N, C-alpha and C. Protein backbone atom coordinates (compact mmCIF):
# COMPACT_ATOMS: atom_id res chain seq x y z
N MET A 1 -18.52 -0.21 28.39
CA MET A 1 -18.02 -0.43 27.17
C MET A 1 -17.72 0.75 26.33
N LYS A 2 -16.45 1.14 25.53
CA LYS A 2 -16.22 1.81 24.59
C LYS A 2 -17.10 1.85 23.29
N LYS A 3 -17.55 2.81 23.01
CA LYS A 3 -18.24 2.45 21.34
C LYS A 3 -17.11 2.73 20.37
N GLN A 4 -17.28 1.88 19.41
CA GLN A 4 -16.20 1.53 18.29
C GLN A 4 -16.44 2.42 17.32
N GLY A 5 -17.66 3.50 17.32
CA GLY A 5 -18.30 4.00 15.62
C GLY A 5 -17.25 5.06 15.59
N LEU A 6 -17.53 5.70 14.78
CA LEU A 6 -16.94 7.19 14.50
C LEU A 6 -17.67 8.33 15.41
N SER A 7 -16.70 9.17 15.86
CA SER A 7 -17.40 10.42 16.33
C SER A 7 -17.89 11.14 15.36
N VAL A 8 -18.71 12.51 15.71
CA VAL A 8 -19.04 13.41 15.00
C VAL A 8 -17.90 14.24 14.54
N LYS A 9 -16.63 14.41 15.32
CA LYS A 9 -15.61 15.10 15.23
C LYS A 9 -15.03 14.27 13.74
N ASN A 10 -14.95 13.02 13.99
CA ASN A 10 -14.23 12.50 12.73
C ASN A 10 -14.75 12.21 11.87
N VAL A 11 -16.36 12.24 11.71
CA VAL A 11 -17.17 12.15 10.71
C VAL A 11 -16.65 13.77 9.71
N VAL A 12 -16.94 14.36 10.47
CA VAL A 12 -16.68 15.97 10.08
C VAL A 12 -15.30 15.92 9.22
N ALA A 13 -14.13 15.37 9.83
CA ALA A 13 -12.88 15.43 9.43
C ALA A 13 -12.33 14.26 8.16
N ILE A 14 -13.48 13.73 8.16
CA ILE A 14 -13.85 12.63 7.06
C ILE A 14 -13.98 13.79 5.65
N GLY A 15 -15.22 14.47 5.96
CA GLY A 15 -15.89 15.11 5.06
C GLY A 15 -14.97 15.96 4.57
N ILE A 16 -14.59 16.85 5.37
CA ILE A 16 -13.61 18.20 5.27
C ILE A 16 -12.20 17.49 4.50
N GLY A 17 -11.69 16.53 5.03
CA GLY A 17 -10.33 15.76 4.21
C GLY A 17 -10.62 15.08 3.16
N SER A 18 -11.54 14.59 3.07
CA SER A 18 -11.51 14.17 1.38
C SER A 18 -11.99 15.39 0.46
N ALA A 19 -12.86 16.30 1.12
CA ALA A 19 -12.83 17.40 0.07
C ALA A 19 -11.78 18.23 -0.48
N ILE A 20 -10.62 18.15 0.67
CA ILE A 20 -9.33 19.08 0.53
C ILE A 20 -8.84 18.17 -0.28
N TYR A 21 -8.85 16.41 -0.11
CA TYR A 21 -7.95 15.67 -0.72
C TYR A 21 -7.89 16.21 -2.27
N VAL A 22 -9.50 16.24 -2.49
CA VAL A 22 -9.82 16.30 -3.87
C VAL A 22 -9.21 17.52 -4.70
N ILE A 23 -9.25 18.70 -3.94
CA ILE A 23 -8.83 20.13 -4.38
C ILE A 23 -7.41 19.78 -4.70
N LEU A 24 -6.57 19.22 -3.56
CA LEU A 24 -4.88 18.96 -3.67
C LEU A 24 -4.89 17.98 -5.07
N ALA A 25 -5.35 17.06 -4.98
CA ALA A 25 -5.07 16.11 -6.10
C ALA A 25 -5.04 16.93 -7.31
N ARG A 26 -6.23 17.69 -7.70
CA ARG A 26 -6.69 17.97 -8.65
C ARG A 26 -5.74 19.31 -9.22
N PHE A 27 -5.10 20.01 -8.19
CA PHE A 27 -4.42 21.28 -8.41
C PHE A 27 -2.77 21.15 -8.04
N THR A 28 -2.45 20.17 -7.27
CA THR A 28 -0.75 20.10 -7.06
C THR A 28 -0.17 18.91 -7.30
N SER A 29 -0.79 17.97 -8.56
CA SER A 29 -0.14 17.31 -9.15
C SER A 29 0.82 17.73 -9.84
N ILE A 30 2.08 16.85 -10.06
CA ILE A 30 3.12 17.15 -10.60
C ILE A 30 3.62 15.70 -11.87
N PRO A 31 3.30 15.99 -13.17
CA PRO A 31 3.68 14.40 -13.61
C PRO A 31 5.32 14.27 -13.63
N THR A 32 5.72 12.98 -13.72
CA THR A 32 6.75 12.62 -13.50
C THR A 32 7.00 11.77 -15.26
N PRO A 33 7.96 11.18 -15.39
CA PRO A 33 8.42 10.58 -16.63
C PRO A 33 8.05 9.12 -16.79
N ILE A 34 7.52 8.84 -15.47
CA ILE A 34 6.44 7.31 -15.25
C ILE A 34 5.17 7.48 -15.78
N PRO A 35 4.60 6.77 -16.69
CA PRO A 35 3.18 6.82 -17.32
C PRO A 35 2.31 6.46 -15.74
N ASN A 36 1.42 7.72 -15.76
CA ASN A 36 0.07 7.24 -14.80
C ASN A 36 0.62 7.25 -13.09
N THR A 37 2.02 8.25 -13.34
CA THR A 37 2.66 8.38 -11.71
C THR A 37 2.95 9.58 -11.73
N ASN A 38 2.65 10.39 -10.58
CA ASN A 38 2.76 11.69 -10.00
C ASN A 38 3.33 12.25 -8.94
N ILE A 39 4.13 13.25 -9.14
CA ILE A 39 4.33 13.90 -7.74
C ILE A 39 3.05 14.34 -6.94
N GLU A 40 2.50 13.70 -6.03
CA GLU A 40 1.57 13.93 -5.20
C GLU A 40 1.71 14.75 -3.95
N LEU A 41 1.49 15.79 -3.63
CA LEU A 41 1.35 16.58 -2.69
C LEU A 41 0.08 16.57 -1.97
N VAL A 42 -0.57 16.25 -2.22
CA VAL A 42 -1.55 15.63 -1.60
C VAL A 42 -1.52 14.42 -0.44
N PHE A 43 -0.54 13.62 -0.83
CA PHE A 43 -0.11 12.69 0.51
C PHE A 43 0.22 13.14 1.55
N PRO A 44 1.15 14.02 1.99
CA PRO A 44 1.80 15.09 3.00
C PRO A 44 0.06 15.18 4.17
N PHE A 45 -0.62 15.91 3.24
CA PHE A 45 -1.70 16.41 3.53
C PHE A 45 -2.57 15.06 4.23
N LEU A 46 -2.72 14.11 3.67
CA LEU A 46 -3.37 12.73 4.10
C LEU A 46 -2.51 12.21 5.23
N ALA A 47 -1.13 12.08 5.28
CA ALA A 47 -0.46 11.75 6.41
C ALA A 47 -0.74 12.90 7.57
N LEU A 48 -0.95 14.16 7.58
CA LEU A 48 -1.29 14.97 8.78
C LEU A 48 -2.87 14.69 9.22
N PHE A 49 -3.35 14.38 8.38
CA PHE A 49 -4.76 13.93 8.90
C PHE A 49 -5.01 12.71 9.92
N ALA A 50 -4.34 11.82 8.84
CA ALA A 50 -4.14 10.32 9.86
C ALA A 50 -3.47 10.72 11.22
N ALA A 51 -2.64 11.33 11.26
CA ALA A 51 -1.50 11.35 12.55
C ALA A 51 -2.68 12.29 13.39
N ILE A 52 -3.08 13.13 12.84
CA ILE A 52 -4.21 13.84 13.97
C ILE A 52 -5.31 13.17 14.18
N TYR A 53 -6.16 12.78 13.27
CA TYR A 53 -7.52 11.81 13.63
C TYR A 53 -7.45 10.51 13.66
N GLY A 54 -6.37 9.40 13.39
CA GLY A 54 -6.38 8.26 13.37
C GLY A 54 -6.37 7.57 12.40
N ALA A 55 -6.31 6.12 12.60
CA ALA A 55 -6.26 5.15 11.43
C ALA A 55 -7.39 5.17 10.51
N LYS A 56 -8.84 5.06 11.26
CA LYS A 56 -10.17 5.08 10.46
C LYS A 56 -10.31 6.60 9.82
N VAL A 57 -10.02 7.76 10.18
CA VAL A 57 -9.98 8.83 9.36
C VAL A 57 -8.88 8.75 8.32
N GLY A 58 -7.92 8.56 8.51
CA GLY A 58 -6.61 8.30 7.79
C GLY A 58 -7.26 7.15 6.61
N PHE A 59 -7.75 6.05 6.61
CA PHE A 59 -8.34 5.06 5.66
C PHE A 59 -9.31 5.69 4.99
N ALA A 60 -10.31 6.49 5.65
CA ALA A 60 -11.57 6.90 5.22
C ALA A 60 -11.40 8.05 4.20
N VAL A 61 -10.40 9.26 4.38
CA VAL A 61 -9.82 10.49 3.90
C VAL A 61 -9.22 9.85 2.47
N GLY A 62 -8.18 9.14 2.48
CA GLY A 62 -7.56 8.45 1.41
C GLY A 62 -8.40 7.63 0.60
N PHE A 63 -9.22 6.92 0.91
CA PHE A 63 -10.51 6.05 0.21
C PHE A 63 -11.11 6.84 -0.66
N ILE A 64 -11.79 7.72 0.33
CA ILE A 64 -12.87 8.58 -0.49
C ILE A 64 -12.53 9.81 -1.29
N GLY A 65 -11.32 10.30 -0.98
CA GLY A 65 -10.85 11.18 -1.56
C GLY A 65 -10.10 10.83 -2.86
N HIS A 66 -9.11 9.98 -2.80
CA HIS A 66 -8.96 9.30 -4.07
C HIS A 66 -9.84 8.45 -5.07
N THR A 67 -11.09 8.18 -4.45
CA THR A 67 -12.08 7.80 -5.24
C THR A 67 -12.88 8.82 -6.15
N LEU A 68 -12.91 9.84 -5.58
CA LEU A 68 -13.68 11.05 -5.96
C LEU A 68 -12.68 11.85 -6.74
N SER A 69 -11.48 11.92 -6.87
CA SER A 69 -10.38 12.94 -7.65
C SER A 69 -10.28 11.74 -8.79
N ASP A 70 -10.11 10.73 -8.78
CA ASP A 70 -10.13 9.83 -9.98
C ASP A 70 -11.40 9.72 -10.96
N PHE A 71 -12.57 9.89 -10.37
CA PHE A 71 -13.59 10.02 -11.07
C PHE A 71 -13.87 11.56 -11.81
N ILE A 72 -13.39 12.30 -10.87
CA ILE A 72 -13.68 13.87 -11.34
C ILE A 72 -12.66 14.36 -12.25
N MET A 73 -11.72 13.54 -12.29
CA MET A 73 -10.44 13.92 -12.89
C MET A 73 -10.22 13.15 -14.17
N TYR A 74 -10.55 11.55 -14.32
CA TYR A 74 -10.59 10.63 -15.47
C TYR A 74 -11.85 10.15 -15.71
N GLY A 75 -13.16 10.32 -14.94
CA GLY A 75 -14.15 9.57 -15.46
C GLY A 75 -14.29 8.36 -14.98
N GLN A 76 -13.21 7.95 -14.40
CA GLN A 76 -13.06 6.39 -13.73
C GLN A 76 -12.43 6.27 -12.64
N THR A 77 -12.67 5.28 -11.89
CA THR A 77 -11.76 4.94 -10.41
C THR A 77 -10.65 4.01 -10.69
N TRP A 78 -9.48 4.38 -10.25
CA TRP A 78 -8.51 2.75 -10.41
C TRP A 78 -8.42 2.64 -8.95
N TRP A 79 -9.34 1.14 -8.84
CA TRP A 79 -9.73 0.75 -7.41
C TRP A 79 -8.12 0.38 -6.76
N SER A 80 -7.42 -0.29 -7.57
CA SER A 80 -6.06 -1.07 -6.62
C SER A 80 -5.15 0.22 -6.22
N TRP A 81 -5.13 1.40 -7.02
CA TRP A 81 -4.70 2.69 -6.27
C TRP A 81 -5.57 3.51 -5.06
N VAL A 82 -6.69 3.39 -5.39
CA VAL A 82 -7.67 3.74 -4.01
C VAL A 82 -7.17 3.03 -3.27
N LEU A 83 -7.31 1.70 -3.08
CA LEU A 83 -7.13 1.11 -1.81
C LEU A 83 -5.94 1.46 -1.33
N ALA A 84 -5.12 1.09 -1.94
CA ALA A 84 -3.81 1.69 -1.44
C ALA A 84 -3.69 2.59 -0.92
N THR A 85 -3.97 4.08 -1.27
CA THR A 85 -4.18 5.10 -0.63
C THR A 85 -5.09 5.02 0.87
N GLY A 86 -5.72 4.46 0.75
CA GLY A 86 -6.66 4.13 2.13
C GLY A 86 -5.74 3.09 3.21
N VAL A 87 -4.94 2.31 2.35
CA VAL A 87 -4.05 1.49 3.29
C VAL A 87 -2.93 2.43 3.56
N LEU A 88 -2.34 3.71 3.11
CA LEU A 88 -1.42 4.36 3.50
C LEU A 88 -2.03 5.33 4.64
N GLY A 89 -2.91 5.62 4.32
CA GLY A 89 -3.86 6.80 5.43
C GLY A 89 -4.03 5.76 6.80
N LEU A 90 -4.63 4.64 6.75
CA LEU A 90 -4.27 3.32 7.86
C LEU A 90 -3.44 3.40 8.53
N ILE A 91 -2.44 3.04 8.00
CA ILE A 91 -0.66 2.46 8.61
C ILE A 91 -0.38 3.89 9.29
N ILE A 92 -0.59 4.84 8.51
CA ILE A 92 0.07 6.27 9.45
C ILE A 92 -0.82 6.44 10.44
N GLY A 93 -2.03 6.25 10.50
CA GLY A 93 -2.87 6.68 11.45
C GLY A 93 -2.58 5.96 12.83
N LEU A 94 -2.87 4.43 12.46
CA LEU A 94 -2.03 3.41 13.29
C LEU A 94 -0.87 3.64 14.08
N ALA A 95 0.32 3.77 13.65
CA ALA A 95 1.47 4.12 14.11
C ALA A 95 1.41 5.77 14.94
N CYS A 96 0.80 6.71 14.20
CA CYS A 96 0.66 8.04 15.07
C CYS A 96 0.17 7.88 16.04
N LYS A 97 -0.65 7.12 16.63
CA LYS A 97 -1.24 6.92 18.15
C LYS A 97 -0.29 7.25 19.22
N LYS A 98 1.01 6.63 18.73
CA LYS A 98 2.02 6.94 19.60
C LYS A 98 2.82 8.27 19.91
N LEU A 99 2.46 9.13 18.74
CA LEU A 99 2.90 10.75 18.76
C LEU A 99 1.97 11.25 19.88
N ASP A 100 2.39 12.34 20.19
CA ASP A 100 1.73 12.91 21.31
C ASP A 100 1.48 14.48 20.88
N LEU A 101 1.12 14.74 19.54
CA LEU A 101 0.99 15.80 18.56
C LEU A 101 -0.11 17.00 19.60
N LYS A 102 -1.18 16.32 20.51
CA LYS A 102 -2.33 17.19 20.81
C LYS A 102 -1.77 17.73 22.35
N ASN A 103 -0.28 17.23 22.61
CA ASN A 103 0.42 18.03 23.79
C ASN A 103 1.21 18.51 23.08
N GLY A 104 1.56 19.10 21.76
CA GLY A 104 2.48 20.01 21.10
C GLY A 104 3.95 19.10 21.27
N ILE A 105 4.01 17.59 21.17
CA ILE A 105 5.38 17.35 20.96
C ILE A 105 5.61 16.67 19.71
N PHE A 106 6.48 16.96 19.03
CA PHE A 106 7.15 16.55 17.88
C PHE A 106 8.35 16.97 17.59
N GLY A 107 9.25 16.35 18.35
CA GLY A 107 10.96 16.16 18.34
C GLY A 107 11.45 15.20 17.28
N ILE A 108 12.66 15.28 17.70
CA ILE A 108 13.64 14.36 16.85
C ILE A 108 13.07 12.69 17.14
N LYS A 109 12.56 12.28 17.86
CA LYS A 109 12.09 10.90 18.31
C LYS A 109 10.92 10.62 17.32
N GLN A 110 10.06 11.52 17.85
CA GLN A 110 8.60 11.75 17.06
C GLN A 110 8.91 11.64 15.62
N ILE A 111 9.60 12.64 14.82
CA ILE A 111 10.09 12.70 13.38
C ILE A 111 10.48 11.40 12.72
N LEU A 112 11.37 10.85 13.56
CA LEU A 112 12.00 9.36 12.91
C LEU A 112 10.99 8.56 12.98
N LEU A 113 10.12 8.55 14.16
CA LEU A 113 9.29 7.65 13.95
C LEU A 113 8.14 7.45 12.90
N PHE A 114 7.58 8.86 13.05
CA PHE A 114 6.82 9.27 11.62
C PHE A 114 7.15 8.83 10.35
N ASN A 115 8.44 9.15 10.34
CA ASN A 115 9.18 9.10 9.00
C ASN A 115 9.74 7.30 8.88
N ILE A 116 9.77 6.65 9.99
CA ILE A 116 10.04 5.58 9.36
C ILE A 116 8.93 4.62 9.08
N THR A 117 7.66 5.07 9.77
CA THR A 117 6.35 4.57 9.81
C THR A 117 5.99 5.05 8.09
N GLN A 118 5.77 6.28 8.00
CA GLN A 118 5.52 6.64 6.50
C GLN A 118 6.20 5.69 5.30
N ILE A 119 7.51 5.81 5.47
CA ILE A 119 8.06 5.03 4.37
C ILE A 119 7.67 3.17 4.50
N ILE A 120 7.51 2.76 5.30
CA ILE A 120 6.91 1.43 5.73
C ILE A 120 5.53 1.49 4.83
N ALA A 121 4.72 1.99 5.42
CA ALA A 121 3.55 2.49 5.03
C ALA A 121 3.28 2.73 3.13
N ASN A 122 4.53 3.65 2.61
CA ASN A 122 4.56 3.90 1.28
C ASN A 122 5.04 2.50 0.53
N ILE A 123 5.90 2.08 1.02
CA ILE A 123 6.08 0.42 0.40
C ILE A 123 4.87 -0.49 0.26
N ILE A 124 4.33 -0.39 1.31
CA ILE A 124 3.13 -1.70 1.61
C ILE A 124 2.38 -1.21 0.64
N ALA A 125 2.11 0.35 0.29
CA ALA A 125 0.83 0.75 -0.47
C ALA A 125 1.10 0.74 -1.92
N TRP A 126 2.31 1.05 -1.98
CA TRP A 126 2.56 1.38 -3.65
C TRP A 126 3.49 0.03 -4.30
N ILE A 127 4.20 -0.51 -3.17
CA ILE A 127 4.90 -1.66 -4.09
C ILE A 127 4.16 -3.03 -3.70
N ILE A 128 3.56 -3.08 -3.00
CA ILE A 128 2.39 -4.37 -2.53
C ILE A 128 1.33 -4.18 -3.10
N VAL A 129 0.21 -3.37 -2.55
CA VAL A 129 -1.38 -3.47 -2.42
C VAL A 129 -1.55 -2.74 -3.97
N ALA A 130 -1.01 -1.59 -4.46
CA ALA A 130 -1.59 -1.22 -5.86
C ALA A 130 -0.65 -2.19 -6.92
N PRO A 131 0.25 -2.27 -7.13
CA PRO A 131 0.66 -3.52 -7.73
C PRO A 131 -0.40 -4.87 -8.36
N ILE A 132 -0.12 -5.45 -6.82
CA ILE A 132 -0.61 -6.54 -6.82
C ILE A 132 -2.14 -6.55 -7.27
N GLY A 133 -3.20 -5.27 -6.73
CA GLY A 133 -4.19 -4.83 -7.23
C GLY A 133 -4.51 -4.79 -8.65
N ASP A 134 -3.53 -4.11 -9.54
CA ASP A 134 -3.42 -3.71 -10.78
C ASP A 134 -3.50 -5.39 -11.49
N ILE A 135 -2.41 -6.05 -10.82
CA ILE A 135 -2.50 -7.28 -11.78
C ILE A 135 -3.81 -8.20 -11.56
N ILE A 136 -4.44 -8.07 -10.33
CA ILE A 136 -5.35 -8.75 -10.06
C ILE A 136 -6.73 -8.33 -11.00
N ILE A 137 -7.00 -7.07 -10.44
CA ILE A 137 -8.13 -6.36 -11.13
C ILE A 137 -8.08 -6.01 -12.54
N TYR A 138 -7.19 -5.52 -13.03
CA TYR A 138 -6.84 -4.93 -13.98
C TYR A 138 -5.86 -5.60 -15.27
N SER A 139 -5.51 -6.63 -14.75
CA SER A 139 -4.42 -7.48 -15.56
C SER A 139 -3.36 -6.75 -16.34
N GLU A 140 -2.78 -5.92 -15.51
CA GLU A 140 -1.76 -4.93 -16.06
C GLU A 140 -0.40 -5.78 -16.13
N PRO A 141 0.28 -5.28 -16.77
CA PRO A 141 1.65 -6.10 -17.10
C PRO A 141 2.84 -5.90 -15.70
N VAL A 142 3.49 -7.22 -15.52
CA VAL A 142 4.02 -7.05 -14.12
C VAL A 142 4.77 -5.84 -13.93
N ASN A 143 5.70 -5.78 -15.27
CA ASN A 143 7.12 -4.88 -14.79
C ASN A 143 6.71 -3.17 -14.80
N ASN A 144 5.28 -3.14 -15.43
CA ASN A 144 4.92 -1.56 -15.64
C ASN A 144 4.51 -1.22 -14.01
N VAL A 145 3.51 -2.12 -13.50
CA VAL A 145 3.17 -1.85 -12.48
C VAL A 145 4.11 -1.69 -10.97
N PHE A 146 5.12 -2.35 -11.03
CA PHE A 146 6.01 -2.18 -10.13
C PHE A 146 6.74 -1.11 -10.26
N VAL A 147 7.32 -0.40 -11.56
CA VAL A 147 7.93 0.23 -11.90
C VAL A 147 7.13 1.50 -11.42
N GLN A 148 5.74 1.96 -11.25
CA GLN A 148 5.14 2.51 -11.26
C GLN A 148 4.89 2.81 -9.59
N GLY A 149 4.96 1.56 -9.12
CA GLY A 149 4.95 1.47 -7.50
C GLY A 149 6.17 2.18 -6.68
N ILE A 150 7.06 1.62 -7.52
CA ILE A 150 8.44 2.34 -6.89
C ILE A 150 8.54 3.79 -6.99
N SER A 151 8.45 4.14 -8.51
CA SER A 151 8.04 5.87 -8.40
C SER A 151 6.99 6.42 -7.28
N ALA A 152 6.17 5.78 -7.17
CA ALA A 152 5.18 6.24 -6.36
C ALA A 152 5.54 6.10 -4.94
N THR A 153 6.43 5.36 -4.45
CA THR A 153 6.75 5.22 -3.18
C THR A 153 7.96 6.07 -3.25
N LEU A 154 8.57 6.30 -3.81
CA LEU A 154 9.88 7.36 -3.60
C LEU A 154 9.55 8.84 -3.66
N SER A 155 8.83 9.09 -4.64
CA SER A 155 7.87 10.68 -4.86
C SER A 155 7.15 10.90 -3.17
N ASN A 156 6.61 9.92 -2.71
CA ASN A 156 5.40 10.18 -2.15
C ASN A 156 6.32 9.93 -0.78
N GLY A 157 7.29 8.95 -0.66
CA GLY A 157 7.85 9.16 0.87
C GLY A 157 8.90 10.57 0.90
N ILE A 158 9.02 10.76 -0.29
CA ILE A 158 10.10 12.26 -0.23
C ILE A 158 8.89 13.26 0.13
N THR A 159 7.99 13.67 -0.49
CA THR A 159 7.21 14.70 -0.07
C THR A 159 6.85 14.24 1.19
N ILE A 160 6.64 13.39 1.66
CA ILE A 160 5.67 13.11 3.00
C ILE A 160 6.95 13.46 4.08
N LEU A 161 7.87 12.98 3.84
CA LEU A 161 9.40 13.44 4.55
C LEU A 161 9.47 15.05 4.82
N ILE A 162 9.65 15.86 3.55
CA ILE A 162 9.64 16.88 3.59
C ILE A 162 8.44 17.89 4.37
N VAL A 163 7.21 17.61 3.35
CA VAL A 163 6.18 18.48 3.44
C VAL A 163 5.25 17.95 4.51
N GLY A 164 5.01 16.75 4.70
CA GLY A 164 4.62 15.81 5.99
C GLY A 164 5.06 16.47 7.32
N THR A 165 6.29 16.17 7.25
CA THR A 165 7.42 16.66 8.49
C THR A 165 7.09 18.22 9.06
N LEU A 166 6.92 19.04 7.90
CA LEU A 166 6.94 20.23 8.09
C LEU A 166 5.24 20.76 8.68
N LEU A 167 4.39 19.90 8.28
CA LEU A 167 2.81 20.00 8.50
C LEU A 167 2.57 19.88 10.05
N LEU A 168 3.26 18.39 10.42
CA LEU A 168 3.07 17.80 11.78
C LEU A 168 4.16 18.80 12.77
N LYS A 169 5.02 19.15 12.18
CA LYS A 169 5.94 20.12 13.27
C LYS A 169 5.14 21.15 13.41
N ALA A 170 4.22 22.04 12.14
CA ALA A 170 3.68 23.38 12.43
C ALA A 170 2.32 22.99 13.39
N TYR A 171 1.72 21.69 13.26
CA TYR A 171 0.44 21.48 14.01
C TYR A 171 0.62 21.45 15.50
N ALA A 172 1.67 20.52 15.86
CA ALA A 172 2.29 20.45 17.26
C ALA A 172 2.62 21.62 18.00
N GLY A 173 3.31 22.73 16.98
CA GLY A 173 3.50 23.97 17.64
C GLY A 173 2.15 24.72 18.01
N THR A 174 1.10 24.71 17.57
CA THR A 174 -0.10 25.18 17.85
C THR A 174 -0.85 25.07 19.19
N LYS A 175 -0.29 23.41 19.58
CA LYS A 175 -0.60 23.03 20.75
C LYS A 175 -0.17 23.27 21.91
N ILE A 176 -0.76 23.48 23.10
CA ILE A 176 0.18 24.12 24.39
C ILE A 176 0.50 22.61 25.25
N LYS A 177 1.87 22.83 25.20
CA LYS A 177 2.78 21.60 25.53
C LYS A 177 2.00 21.11 27.20
N LYS A 178 1.97 20.16 27.33
CA LYS A 178 1.66 19.39 28.73
C LYS A 178 2.63 19.99 29.76
N GLY A 179 2.04 20.44 30.96
CA GLY A 179 2.69 20.91 31.94
C GLY A 179 3.26 22.79 31.76
N SER A 180 3.04 23.14 30.89
CA SER A 180 3.48 24.44 30.12
C SER A 180 2.67 25.50 31.30
N LEU A 181 1.35 25.03 31.42
CA LEU A 181 0.76 26.31 31.89
C LEU A 181 0.53 25.88 33.52
N ARG A 182 0.86 26.98 34.58
CA ARG A 182 1.11 27.19 35.62
C ARG A 182 0.17 27.99 36.52
N LYS A 183 -0.65 27.34 37.66
CA LYS A 183 -1.40 28.44 38.17
C LYS A 183 -0.55 29.23 38.79
N GLU A 184 -0.99 30.85 38.75
CA GLU A 184 -0.34 31.77 39.16
C GLU A 184 -0.91 31.91 41.07
N ASP A 185 -0.21 32.11 41.76
CA ASP A 185 -0.58 32.16 43.36
C ASP A 185 -1.46 33.52 43.47
């Protein structure tokens, strides 16, 4: 029977990923005209970690990283958006099991799969989870939270599409393609 817990490698990835998340959230956030909504370059990084290490690590890095960055930057944590970030990492990690990154494969088919997945994950995270959480937990006005959610979906989807795709392409390029090594006679 296979053990379902986290490997040491995954625990280390969560720790390092969460720390990098906090640093990127702190120093690469670009304000938008929509209140409390920024263009975040941390999300392509989250997508990279989720694609490489899977759903558990994707969820944990998103959840822990967002929790810590909110607390450090604002002195409080906005739990509905923390949960949405974890969900984003979870969905991307689940779907990216179909990618063959460890064997250096990230062509057009994989790029399309990755980007269709991340767009769906962004819609679920920012147009469903975050706004509903804002309404239930914080009694936020309905139209405000959905405007923020749509803005976050668009900006995160675009940054992951561009920067996330480039990161995954670069990562796959560092891996040896399956069958590319041959034994010399």
